[in-house]
Amino acid sequence: MNATPIHADPAAIDPPWYEYWIAHPRIKFERSFGDGATNLEDENGDPSVFELVPRLDEKNRLVGYAVDVSNKTLPLGWAGVTLAPRGKYPLGTIGAPLDPYDGSPEADQAYETAFSYLVSQLHARDNDYQRLEGFFPVFDDTTGTLNIDRVRIVNVPRVIAGNVDHSFVVLTLIDGIGKHQNGGGSGPPEP
């Protein structure tokens, strides 16, 4: 399987790619990775549901999304986080579709292998993939410091068998101490 996403033709996307999240504002996490994944869990340590609310400007144009914390499955630090559309290249395919995630070690390994390049690109300082991006403040109890994580959200179209999309929320420490906050979660987007 080719684990490297390829660029698709940006001109083939109509309407604007970021309107996708209007019809699919929820990501129900099936899996998480890295120490930073705790920022995507509820108070019981269970995967949360990530919900996006469209933000419009004075001319009623979509300019981004706010993170909704009213379902109380995300830590309250997410309140007020806004994500804006960034990048110019849509994600292409990663190869043959994956089986639906079942929580097994084999599924973890298959997803890790298939998406490792994508996740590394989302952690990278610069990239040109179409994504939602914002910043998330995190207080680190181990160091006693307030850190800032960059948040990037992408959707990989038709990557799961049955033409199912799979979305990623990736957190990367950009200002603060240590790299133990890097991580993320993924799952199918929902209406």
N, C-alpha and C. Protein backbone atom coordinates (compact mmCIF):
# COMPACT_ATOMS: atom_id res chain seq x y z
N MET A 1 0.84 -1.18 0.00
CA MET A 1 0.00 0.00 0.00
C MET A 1 0.88 1.24 0.00
N ASN A 2 0.55 2.21 -0.81
CA ASN A 2 1.27 3.47 -0.86
C ASN A 2 0.80 4.34 0.30
N ALA A 3 1.68 4.65 1.24
CA ALA A 3 1.31 5.44 2.41
C ALA A 3 1.51 6.93 2.18
N THR A 4 1.84 7.34 0.97
CA THR A 4 2.08 8.74 0.68
C THR A 4 0.87 9.33 -0.04
N PRO A 5 0.17 10.30 0.60
CA PRO A 5 -0.95 10.93 -0.10
C PRO A 5 -0.46 11.66 -1.35
N ILE A 6 -1.25 11.64 -2.38
CA ILE A 6 -0.89 12.36 -3.60
C ILE A 6 -1.81 13.57 -3.73
N HIS A 7 -1.34 14.58 -4.43
CA HIS A 7 -2.14 15.77 -4.62
C HIS A 7 -3.17 15.52 -5.71
N ALA A 8 -4.38 15.95 -5.47
CA ALA A 8 -5.43 15.91 -6.48
C ALA A 8 -5.49 17.29 -7.13
N ASP A 9 -6.28 17.44 -8.15
CA ASP A 9 -6.40 18.70 -8.87
C ASP A 9 -7.30 19.67 -8.09
N PRO A 10 -6.75 20.82 -7.60
CA PRO A 10 -7.57 21.75 -6.83
C PRO A 10 -8.76 22.28 -7.62
N ALA A 11 -8.63 22.39 -8.94
CA ALA A 11 -9.71 22.93 -9.76
C ALA A 11 -10.92 21.99 -9.79
N ALA A 12 -10.71 20.73 -9.43
CA ALA A 12 -11.81 19.76 -9.46
C ALA A 12 -12.73 19.88 -8.25
N ILE A 13 -12.38 20.71 -7.29
CA ILE A 13 -13.16 20.85 -6.06
C ILE A 13 -14.14 22.00 -6.22
N ASP A 14 -15.44 21.70 -6.16
CA ASP A 14 -16.46 22.71 -6.24
C ASP A 14 -17.68 22.20 -5.50
N PRO A 15 -18.21 22.85 -4.52
CA PRO A 15 -17.87 24.16 -3.98
C PRO A 15 -16.57 24.12 -3.19
N PRO A 16 -16.21 25.26 -2.56
CA PRO A 16 -14.95 25.26 -1.82
C PRO A 16 -14.85 24.06 -0.89
N TRP A 17 -13.66 23.45 -0.84
CA TRP A 17 -13.44 22.21 -0.10
C TRP A 17 -13.86 22.30 1.36
N TYR A 18 -13.70 23.46 1.97
CA TYR A 18 -13.98 23.56 3.40
C TYR A 18 -15.47 23.58 3.74
N GLU A 19 -16.34 23.66 2.75
CA GLU A 19 -17.77 23.53 3.02
C GLU A 19 -18.16 22.10 3.36
N TYR A 20 -17.27 21.15 3.11
CA TYR A 20 -17.50 19.75 3.47
C TYR A 20 -17.93 19.62 4.93
N TRP A 21 -17.31 20.42 5.80
CA TRP A 21 -17.55 20.30 7.24
C TRP A 21 -18.92 20.81 7.66
N ILE A 22 -19.62 21.55 6.78
CA ILE A 22 -20.99 21.97 7.10
C ILE A 22 -21.90 20.75 7.16
N ALA A 23 -21.74 19.85 6.19
CA ALA A 23 -22.57 18.64 6.14
C ALA A 23 -22.05 17.52 7.05
N HIS A 24 -20.79 17.61 7.48
CA HIS A 24 -20.16 16.57 8.30
C HIS A 24 -19.45 17.22 9.49
N PRO A 25 -20.19 17.87 10.40
CA PRO A 25 -19.54 18.66 11.46
C PRO A 25 -19.02 17.86 12.65
N ARG A 26 -19.26 16.56 12.68
CA ARG A 26 -18.85 15.76 13.84
C ARG A 26 -17.80 14.72 13.43
N ILE A 27 -16.81 14.53 14.31
CA ILE A 27 -15.86 13.44 14.15
C ILE A 27 -15.94 12.60 15.42
N LYS A 28 -16.36 11.38 15.26
CA LYS A 28 -16.41 10.47 16.40
C LYS A 28 -15.12 9.67 16.39
N PHE A 29 -14.26 9.94 17.36
CA PHE A 29 -12.95 9.30 17.36
C PHE A 29 -13.05 7.81 17.61
N GLU A 30 -12.41 7.05 16.72
CA GLU A 30 -12.30 5.59 16.87
C GLU A 30 -10.95 5.22 17.44
N ARG A 31 -9.96 6.01 17.13
CA ARG A 31 -8.60 5.70 17.59
C ARG A 31 -7.88 6.99 17.92
N SER A 32 -6.85 6.89 18.75
CA SER A 32 -6.04 8.04 19.08
C SER A 32 -4.58 7.61 19.08
N PHE A 33 -3.70 8.60 19.04
CA PHE A 33 -2.27 8.30 18.97
C PHE A 33 -1.50 9.44 19.62
N GLY A 34 -0.38 9.09 20.26
CA GLY A 34 0.49 10.07 20.90
C GLY A 34 -0.04 10.55 22.23
N ASP A 35 0.87 11.14 23.01
CA ASP A 35 0.49 11.64 24.33
C ASP A 35 -0.54 12.76 24.27
N GLY A 36 -0.51 13.56 23.21
CA GLY A 36 -1.45 14.66 23.09
C GLY A 36 -2.89 14.23 22.88
N ALA A 37 -3.11 12.95 22.63
CA ALA A 37 -4.47 12.45 22.42
C ALA A 37 -5.35 12.65 23.65
N THR A 38 -4.74 12.81 24.82
CA THR A 38 -5.55 13.04 26.03
C THR A 38 -6.35 14.32 25.92
N ASN A 39 -5.92 15.25 25.07
CA ASN A 39 -6.67 16.49 24.85
C ASN A 39 -7.90 16.27 23.98
N LEU A 40 -8.09 15.05 23.51
CA LEU A 40 -9.26 14.71 22.70
C LEU A 40 -10.14 13.68 23.42
N GLU A 41 -9.95 13.52 24.72
CA GLU A 41 -10.71 12.54 25.49
C GLU A 41 -11.59 13.24 26.51
N ASP A 42 -12.66 12.55 26.90
CA ASP A 42 -13.52 13.10 27.93
C ASP A 42 -12.90 12.86 29.31
N GLU A 43 -13.61 13.26 30.37
CA GLU A 43 -13.04 13.15 31.71
C GLU A 43 -12.83 11.71 32.16
N ASN A 44 -13.45 10.74 31.48
CA ASN A 44 -13.25 9.33 31.80
C ASN A 44 -12.14 8.68 30.98
N GLY A 45 -11.50 9.46 30.11
CA GLY A 45 -10.45 8.93 29.25
C GLY A 45 -10.97 8.26 28.00
N ASP A 46 -12.27 8.41 27.72
CA ASP A 46 -12.86 7.82 26.53
C ASP A 46 -12.74 8.78 25.35
N PRO A 47 -12.69 8.25 24.12
CA PRO A 47 -12.63 9.13 22.95
C PRO A 47 -13.85 10.04 22.90
N SER A 48 -13.62 11.27 22.53
CA SER A 48 -14.70 12.25 22.50
C SER A 48 -15.30 12.37 21.11
N VAL A 49 -16.27 13.24 21.02
CA VAL A 49 -16.87 13.60 19.73
C VAL A 49 -16.49 15.05 19.49
N PHE A 50 -15.85 15.30 18.37
CA PHE A 50 -15.39 16.63 18.00
C PHE A 50 -16.45 17.24 17.11
N GLU A 51 -16.98 18.41 17.49
CA GLU A 51 -18.03 19.05 16.71
C GLU A 51 -17.60 20.44 16.26
N LEU A 52 -17.91 20.75 15.02
CA LEU A 52 -17.55 22.03 14.42
C LEU A 52 -18.80 22.84 14.11
N VAL A 53 -18.74 24.15 14.37
CA VAL A 53 -19.85 25.06 14.10
C VAL A 53 -19.35 26.09 13.10
N PRO A 54 -20.05 26.25 11.95
CA PRO A 54 -19.59 27.22 10.95
C PRO A 54 -19.55 28.64 11.52
N ARG A 55 -18.52 29.39 11.12
CA ARG A 55 -18.40 30.81 11.47
C ARG A 55 -18.51 31.60 10.17
N LEU A 56 -19.38 32.61 10.18
CA LEU A 56 -19.63 33.42 8.98
C LEU A 56 -19.17 34.85 9.21
N ASP A 57 -18.76 35.51 8.14
CA ASP A 57 -18.39 36.92 8.27
C ASP A 57 -19.62 37.79 8.05
N GLU A 58 -19.43 39.11 8.03
CA GLU A 58 -20.55 40.04 7.93
C GLU A 58 -21.30 39.93 6.60
N LYS A 59 -20.70 39.31 5.59
CA LYS A 59 -21.36 39.11 4.30
C LYS A 59 -21.89 37.68 4.16
N ASN A 60 -21.99 36.99 5.29
CA ASN A 60 -22.53 35.64 5.34
C ASN A 60 -21.69 34.62 4.58
N ARG A 61 -20.38 34.86 4.52
CA ARG A 61 -19.46 33.92 3.88
C ARG A 61 -18.81 33.05 4.95
N LEU A 62 -18.63 31.80 4.64
CA LEU A 62 -17.98 30.88 5.56
C LEU A 62 -16.50 31.24 5.67
N VAL A 63 -16.03 31.51 6.90
CA VAL A 63 -14.63 31.88 7.10
C VAL A 63 -13.89 30.92 8.02
N GLY A 64 -14.60 29.96 8.58
CA GLY A 64 -13.95 29.00 9.47
C GLY A 64 -14.98 28.28 10.32
N TYR A 65 -14.48 27.63 11.36
CA TYR A 65 -15.34 26.86 12.25
C TYR A 65 -14.89 27.06 13.69
N ALA A 66 -15.85 27.07 14.59
CA ALA A 66 -15.56 27.07 16.03
C ALA A 66 -15.75 25.65 16.54
N VAL A 67 -15.00 25.30 17.57
CA VAL A 67 -15.15 23.99 18.20
C VAL A 67 -16.26 24.09 19.23
N ASP A 68 -17.23 23.20 19.14
CA ASP A 68 -18.36 23.17 20.06
C ASP A 68 -18.03 22.27 21.24
N VAL A 69 -18.07 22.81 22.45
CA VAL A 69 -17.79 22.00 23.65
C VAL A 69 -19.06 21.72 24.45
N SER A 70 -20.23 22.08 23.91
CA SER A 70 -21.47 21.91 24.67
C SER A 70 -21.83 20.45 24.93
N ASN A 71 -21.30 19.52 24.13
CA ASN A 71 -21.60 18.11 24.38
C ASN A 71 -20.79 17.55 25.55
N LYS A 72 -19.88 18.36 26.07
CA LYS A 72 -19.08 18.04 27.26
C LYS A 72 -18.21 16.80 27.10
N THR A 73 -17.86 16.45 25.86
CA THR A 73 -16.95 15.32 25.68
C THR A 73 -15.52 15.79 25.45
N LEU A 74 -15.31 17.08 25.24
CA LEU A 74 -13.97 17.63 25.06
C LEU A 74 -13.58 18.43 26.30
N PRO A 75 -12.29 18.51 26.61
CA PRO A 75 -11.86 19.39 27.70
C PRO A 75 -12.29 20.83 27.42
N LEU A 76 -12.60 21.58 28.47
CA LEU A 76 -13.10 22.94 28.31
C LEU A 76 -12.11 23.87 27.63
N GLY A 77 -10.82 23.52 27.61
CA GLY A 77 -9.83 24.35 26.92
C GLY A 77 -10.15 24.54 25.45
N TRP A 78 -10.99 23.68 24.89
CA TRP A 78 -11.37 23.81 23.49
C TRP A 78 -12.36 24.94 23.26
N ALA A 79 -13.01 25.44 24.31
CA ALA A 79 -14.00 26.52 24.15
C ALA A 79 -13.33 27.73 23.52
N GLY A 80 -13.91 28.24 22.48
CA GLY A 80 -13.38 29.43 21.81
C GLY A 80 -12.36 29.15 20.73
N VAL A 81 -11.92 27.90 20.57
CA VAL A 81 -10.95 27.60 19.52
C VAL A 81 -11.63 27.74 18.16
N THR A 82 -10.98 28.49 17.27
CA THR A 82 -11.49 28.70 15.92
C THR A 82 -10.50 28.10 14.93
N LEU A 83 -11.03 27.43 13.92
CA LEU A 83 -10.22 26.78 12.89
C LEU A 83 -10.52 27.43 11.55
N ALA A 84 -9.48 27.82 10.85
CA ALA A 84 -9.63 28.49 9.55
C ALA A 84 -9.13 27.60 8.43
N PRO A 85 -9.72 27.71 7.23
CA PRO A 85 -9.23 26.94 6.08
C PRO A 85 -7.84 27.40 5.67
N ARG A 86 -6.95 26.45 5.42
CA ARG A 86 -5.58 26.72 5.00
C ARG A 86 -5.19 25.72 3.92
N GLY A 87 -4.19 26.03 3.13
CA GLY A 87 -3.64 25.11 2.14
C GLY A 87 -4.34 25.18 0.80
N LYS A 88 -3.66 24.65 -0.21
CA LYS A 88 -4.22 24.72 -1.56
C LYS A 88 -4.39 23.36 -2.22
N TYR A 89 -3.74 22.32 -1.72
CA TYR A 89 -3.82 21.02 -2.38
C TYR A 89 -4.72 20.06 -1.62
N PRO A 90 -5.72 19.49 -2.30
CA PRO A 90 -6.55 18.48 -1.65
C PRO A 90 -5.77 17.18 -1.45
N LEU A 91 -6.16 16.43 -0.47
CA LEU A 91 -5.55 15.12 -0.27
C LEU A 91 -6.04 14.18 -1.34
N GLY A 92 -5.15 13.39 -1.86
CA GLY A 92 -5.53 12.35 -2.80
C GLY A 92 -5.69 11.03 -2.07
N THR A 93 -5.51 9.97 -2.78
CA THR A 93 -5.69 8.64 -2.22
C THR A 93 -4.42 8.16 -1.51
N ILE A 94 -4.58 7.19 -0.62
CA ILE A 94 -3.41 6.57 0.01
C ILE A 94 -3.20 5.17 -0.53
N GLY A 95 -4.03 4.72 -1.42
CA GLY A 95 -3.91 3.37 -1.96
C GLY A 95 -5.23 2.63 -1.80
N ALA A 96 -5.15 1.31 -1.64
CA ALA A 96 -6.34 0.49 -1.50
C ALA A 96 -7.10 0.85 -0.23
N PRO A 97 -8.43 0.82 -0.27
CA PRO A 97 -9.21 1.16 0.93
C PRO A 97 -8.89 0.23 2.11
N LEU A 98 -8.94 0.79 3.30
CA LEU A 98 -8.73 0.03 4.53
C LEU A 98 -10.04 -0.60 4.98
N ASP A 99 -9.94 -1.68 5.73
CA ASP A 99 -11.12 -2.24 6.37
C ASP A 99 -11.59 -1.29 7.46
N PRO A 100 -12.89 -1.30 7.78
CA PRO A 100 -13.36 -0.47 8.89
C PRO A 100 -12.57 -0.80 10.16
N TYR A 101 -12.34 0.22 10.97
CA TYR A 101 -11.55 0.07 12.18
C TYR A 101 -12.32 -0.75 13.21
N ASP A 102 -11.65 -1.79 13.77
CA ASP A 102 -12.32 -2.65 14.75
C ASP A 102 -11.64 -2.66 16.12
N GLY A 103 -10.61 -1.82 16.29
CA GLY A 103 -9.93 -1.75 17.58
C GLY A 103 -8.88 -2.82 17.82
N SER A 104 -8.69 -3.72 16.88
CA SER A 104 -7.72 -4.81 17.07
C SER A 104 -6.30 -4.29 16.85
N PRO A 105 -5.29 -5.00 17.37
CA PRO A 105 -3.90 -4.62 17.11
C PRO A 105 -3.58 -4.61 15.61
N GLU A 106 -4.18 -5.52 14.86
CA GLU A 106 -3.95 -5.56 13.41
C GLU A 106 -4.51 -4.30 12.73
N ALA A 107 -5.69 -3.86 13.16
CA ALA A 107 -6.27 -2.64 12.60
C ALA A 107 -5.43 -1.44 12.98
N ASP A 108 -4.96 -1.38 14.24
CA ASP A 108 -4.08 -0.28 14.66
C ASP A 108 -2.85 -0.20 13.76
N GLN A 109 -2.25 -1.35 13.50
CA GLN A 109 -1.03 -1.38 12.68
C GLN A 109 -1.34 -0.96 11.24
N ALA A 110 -2.44 -1.44 10.69
CA ALA A 110 -2.82 -1.09 9.31
C ALA A 110 -3.06 0.42 9.18
N TYR A 111 -3.76 1.01 10.14
CA TYR A 111 -4.05 2.44 10.09
C TYR A 111 -2.78 3.25 10.32
N GLU A 112 -1.94 2.80 11.26
CA GLU A 112 -0.66 3.47 11.52
C GLU A 112 0.19 3.51 10.26
N THR A 113 0.29 2.37 9.58
CA THR A 113 1.09 2.28 8.35
C THR A 113 0.50 3.16 7.25
N ALA A 114 -0.80 3.06 7.05
CA ALA A 114 -1.45 3.78 5.96
C ALA A 114 -1.39 5.29 6.14
N PHE A 115 -1.47 5.76 7.37
CA PHE A 115 -1.59 7.20 7.61
C PHE A 115 -0.33 7.83 8.20
N SER A 116 0.76 7.09 8.34
CA SER A 116 1.95 7.65 9.00
C SER A 116 2.51 8.85 8.24
N TYR A 117 2.55 8.79 6.92
CA TYR A 117 3.07 9.92 6.15
C TYR A 117 2.18 11.15 6.33
N LEU A 118 0.87 10.96 6.24
CA LEU A 118 -0.08 12.06 6.41
C LEU A 118 0.10 12.71 7.78
N VAL A 119 0.15 11.90 8.83
CA VAL A 119 0.29 12.45 10.18
C VAL A 119 1.62 13.21 10.31
N SER A 120 2.70 12.67 9.74
CA SER A 120 3.98 13.39 9.81
C SER A 120 3.90 14.73 9.09
N GLN A 121 3.17 14.79 7.98
CA GLN A 121 3.00 16.05 7.25
C GLN A 121 2.15 17.04 8.05
N LEU A 122 1.17 16.53 8.78
CA LEU A 122 0.33 17.41 9.59
C LEU A 122 1.10 17.96 10.80
N HIS A 123 2.07 17.21 11.29
CA HIS A 123 2.92 17.71 12.37
C HIS A 123 3.99 18.68 11.86
N ALA A 124 4.32 18.62 10.57
CA ALA A 124 5.37 19.46 10.01
C ALA A 124 5.00 20.95 10.11
N ARG A 125 6.00 21.77 10.19
CA ARG A 125 5.75 23.21 10.33
C ARG A 125 4.94 23.77 9.17
N ASP A 126 5.33 23.43 7.96
CA ASP A 126 4.64 23.94 6.77
C ASP A 126 4.13 22.77 5.93
N ASN A 127 2.97 22.93 5.36
CA ASN A 127 2.49 22.00 4.34
C ASN A 127 1.42 22.71 3.53
N ASP A 128 1.13 22.18 2.36
CA ASP A 128 0.17 22.80 1.45
C ASP A 128 -1.14 22.04 1.35
N TYR A 129 -1.36 21.05 2.20
CA TYR A 129 -2.62 20.29 2.15
C TYR A 129 -3.77 21.14 2.65
N GLN A 130 -4.93 20.97 2.03
CA GLN A 130 -6.12 21.66 2.49
C GLN A 130 -6.51 21.10 3.86
N ARG A 131 -6.70 22.01 4.81
CA ARG A 131 -6.96 21.60 6.18
C ARG A 131 -7.64 22.76 6.91
N LEU A 132 -8.23 22.43 8.04
CA LEU A 132 -8.65 23.45 8.98
C LEU A 132 -7.52 23.56 10.00
N GLU A 133 -7.20 24.79 10.41
CA GLU A 133 -6.08 24.97 11.34
C GLU A 133 -6.39 26.05 12.36
N GLY A 134 -5.97 25.80 13.59
CA GLY A 134 -6.13 26.76 14.67
C GLY A 134 -5.14 26.46 15.78
N PHE A 135 -5.37 27.07 16.94
CA PHE A 135 -4.46 26.91 18.06
C PHE A 135 -5.24 26.60 19.33
N PHE A 136 -4.63 25.77 20.17
CA PHE A 136 -5.28 25.25 21.37
C PHE A 136 -4.34 25.46 22.56
N PRO A 137 -4.78 26.20 23.60
CA PRO A 137 -3.94 26.39 24.77
C PRO A 137 -4.01 25.18 25.69
N VAL A 138 -2.85 24.74 26.18
CA VAL A 138 -2.79 23.56 27.04
C VAL A 138 -1.90 23.87 28.24
N PHE A 139 -2.42 23.67 29.44
CA PHE A 139 -1.58 23.82 30.63
C PHE A 139 -0.97 22.47 30.94
N ASP A 140 0.35 22.44 31.01
CA ASP A 140 1.09 21.21 31.27
C ASP A 140 1.38 21.10 32.76
N ASP A 141 0.70 20.17 33.42
CA ASP A 141 0.88 20.00 34.86
C ASP A 141 2.28 19.53 35.24
N THR A 142 2.96 18.81 34.34
CA THR A 142 4.28 18.27 34.69
C THR A 142 5.35 19.36 34.70
N THR A 143 5.20 20.39 33.86
CA THR A 143 6.19 21.46 33.82
C THR A 143 5.70 22.76 34.43
N GLY A 144 4.38 22.84 34.67
CA GLY A 144 3.81 24.06 35.22
C GLY A 144 3.78 25.20 34.23
N THR A 145 3.73 24.88 32.93
CA THR A 145 3.75 25.91 31.90
C THR A 145 2.49 25.85 31.03
N LEU A 146 2.17 27.00 30.45
CA LEU A 146 1.09 27.07 29.47
C LEU A 146 1.72 26.92 28.10
N ASN A 147 1.30 25.93 27.37
CA ASN A 147 1.83 25.66 26.03
C ASN A 147 0.75 25.92 24.99
N ILE A 148 1.17 26.05 23.75
CA ILE A 148 0.24 26.24 22.64
C ILE A 148 0.43 25.08 21.66
N ASP A 149 -0.66 24.41 21.35
CA ASP A 149 -0.67 23.36 20.34
C ASP A 149 -1.32 23.90 19.08
N ARG A 150 -0.74 23.53 17.94
CA ARG A 150 -1.39 23.79 16.66
C ARG A 150 -2.34 22.62 16.41
N VAL A 151 -3.53 22.93 15.94
CA VAL A 151 -4.54 21.92 15.63
C VAL A 151 -4.76 21.93 14.12
N ARG A 152 -4.68 20.76 13.51
CA ARG A 152 -4.97 20.65 12.09
C ARG A 152 -5.97 19.52 11.88
N ILE A 153 -6.96 19.80 11.06
CA ILE A 153 -7.99 18.80 10.75
C ILE A 153 -8.03 18.59 9.25
N VAL A 154 -7.99 17.33 8.85
CA VAL A 154 -8.13 16.98 7.44
C VAL A 154 -9.13 15.84 7.31
N ASN A 155 -9.68 15.73 6.14
CA ASN A 155 -10.54 14.60 5.81
C ASN A 155 -9.91 13.86 4.64
N VAL A 156 -9.79 12.54 4.79
CA VAL A 156 -9.27 11.70 3.71
C VAL A 156 -10.48 11.03 3.06
N PRO A 157 -10.81 11.40 1.83
CA PRO A 157 -12.03 10.88 1.21
C PRO A 157 -11.92 9.41 0.79
N ARG A 158 -13.02 8.70 0.98
CA ARG A 158 -13.22 7.34 0.47
C ARG A 158 -12.03 6.41 0.74
N VAL A 159 -11.46 6.48 1.94
CA VAL A 159 -10.27 5.70 2.26
C VAL A 159 -10.61 4.39 2.99
N ILE A 160 -11.82 4.29 3.49
CA ILE A 160 -12.25 3.08 4.17
C ILE A 160 -13.18 2.32 3.23
N ALA A 161 -13.10 0.99 3.25
CA ALA A 161 -13.93 0.16 2.37
C ALA A 161 -15.39 0.62 2.45
N GLY A 162 -16.04 0.67 1.29
CA GLY A 162 -17.41 1.15 1.21
C GLY A 162 -17.47 2.64 0.94
N ASN A 163 -16.36 3.24 0.48
CA ASN A 163 -16.28 4.67 0.16
C ASN A 163 -16.53 5.56 1.37
N VAL A 164 -16.04 5.16 2.53
CA VAL A 164 -16.21 5.92 3.76
C VAL A 164 -15.01 6.85 3.95
N ASP A 165 -15.30 8.09 4.32
CA ASP A 165 -14.25 9.07 4.61
C ASP A 165 -13.67 8.81 6.00
N HIS A 166 -12.50 9.36 6.25
CA HIS A 166 -11.85 9.25 7.57
C HIS A 166 -11.20 10.59 7.86
N SER A 167 -11.47 11.15 9.02
CA SER A 167 -10.96 12.48 9.38
C SER A 167 -9.94 12.39 10.51
N PHE A 168 -9.01 13.33 10.49
CA PHE A 168 -7.94 13.39 11.49
C PHE A 168 -7.95 14.74 12.17
N VAL A 169 -7.74 14.72 13.48
CA VAL A 169 -7.43 15.92 14.25
C VAL A 169 -6.05 15.67 14.83
N VAL A 170 -5.08 16.52 14.46
CA VAL A 170 -3.69 16.33 14.88
C VAL A 170 -3.25 17.55 15.68
N LEU A 171 -2.68 17.29 16.85
CA LEU A 171 -2.17 18.33 17.75
C LEU A 171 -0.65 18.31 17.73
N THR A 172 -0.04 19.48 17.57
CA THR A 172 1.41 19.59 17.55
C THR A 172 1.83 20.73 18.46
N LEU A 173 2.71 20.45 19.43
CA LEU A 173 3.23 21.50 20.29
C LEU A 173 4.05 22.48 19.45
N ILE A 174 3.69 23.77 19.50
CA ILE A 174 4.46 24.76 18.74
C ILE A 174 5.11 25.80 19.64
N ASP A 175 4.63 25.93 20.87
CA ASP A 175 5.23 26.89 21.78
C ASP A 175 5.11 26.34 23.20
N GLY A 176 6.23 26.05 23.81
CA GLY A 176 6.21 25.52 25.15
C GLY A 176 7.37 24.57 25.36
N ILE A 177 7.22 23.71 26.34
CA ILE A 177 8.30 22.82 26.73
C ILE A 177 7.93 21.39 26.36
N GLY A 178 8.84 20.67 25.70
CA GLY A 178 8.66 19.25 25.43
C GLY A 178 7.84 18.96 24.21
N LYS A 179 7.85 17.72 23.78
CA LYS A 179 7.07 17.29 22.62
C LYS A 179 6.05 16.25 23.02
N HIS A 180 5.88 16.04 24.32
CA HIS A 180 4.96 14.99 24.76
C HIS A 180 3.50 15.31 24.48
N GLN A 181 3.19 16.51 23.98
CA GLN A 181 1.81 16.86 23.70
C GLN A 181 1.40 16.50 22.28
N ASN A 182 2.33 16.10 21.41
CA ASN A 182 1.96 15.75 20.05
C ASN A 182 1.06 14.52 20.08
N GLY A 183 0.07 14.51 19.23
CA GLY A 183 -0.82 13.38 19.16
C GLY A 183 -2.05 13.73 18.35
N GLY A 184 -3.05 12.91 18.45
CA GLY A 184 -4.27 13.18 17.71
C GLY A 184 -5.25 12.05 17.80
N GLY A 185 -6.28 12.18 17.00
CA GLY A 185 -7.31 11.15 16.93
C GLY A 185 -7.91 11.14 15.55
N SER A 186 -8.59 10.04 15.22
CA SER A 186 -9.21 9.95 13.91
C SER A 186 -10.46 9.10 13.99
N GLY A 187 -11.32 9.32 13.02
CA GLY A 187 -12.56 8.56 12.94
C GLY A 187 -13.39 9.06 11.79
N PRO A 188 -14.53 8.45 11.58
CA PRO A 188 -15.38 8.87 10.46
C PRO A 188 -16.12 10.16 10.76
N PRO A 189 -16.21 11.05 9.77
CA PRO A 189 -17.03 12.24 9.97
C PRO A 189 -18.51 11.86 9.90
N GLU A 190 -19.33 12.63 10.62
CA GLU A 190 -20.77 12.33 10.69
C GLU A 190 -21.57 13.59 10.44
N PRO A 191 -22.81 13.41 9.96
CA PRO A 191 -23.69 14.58 9.78
C PRO A 191 -24.14 15.13 11.13
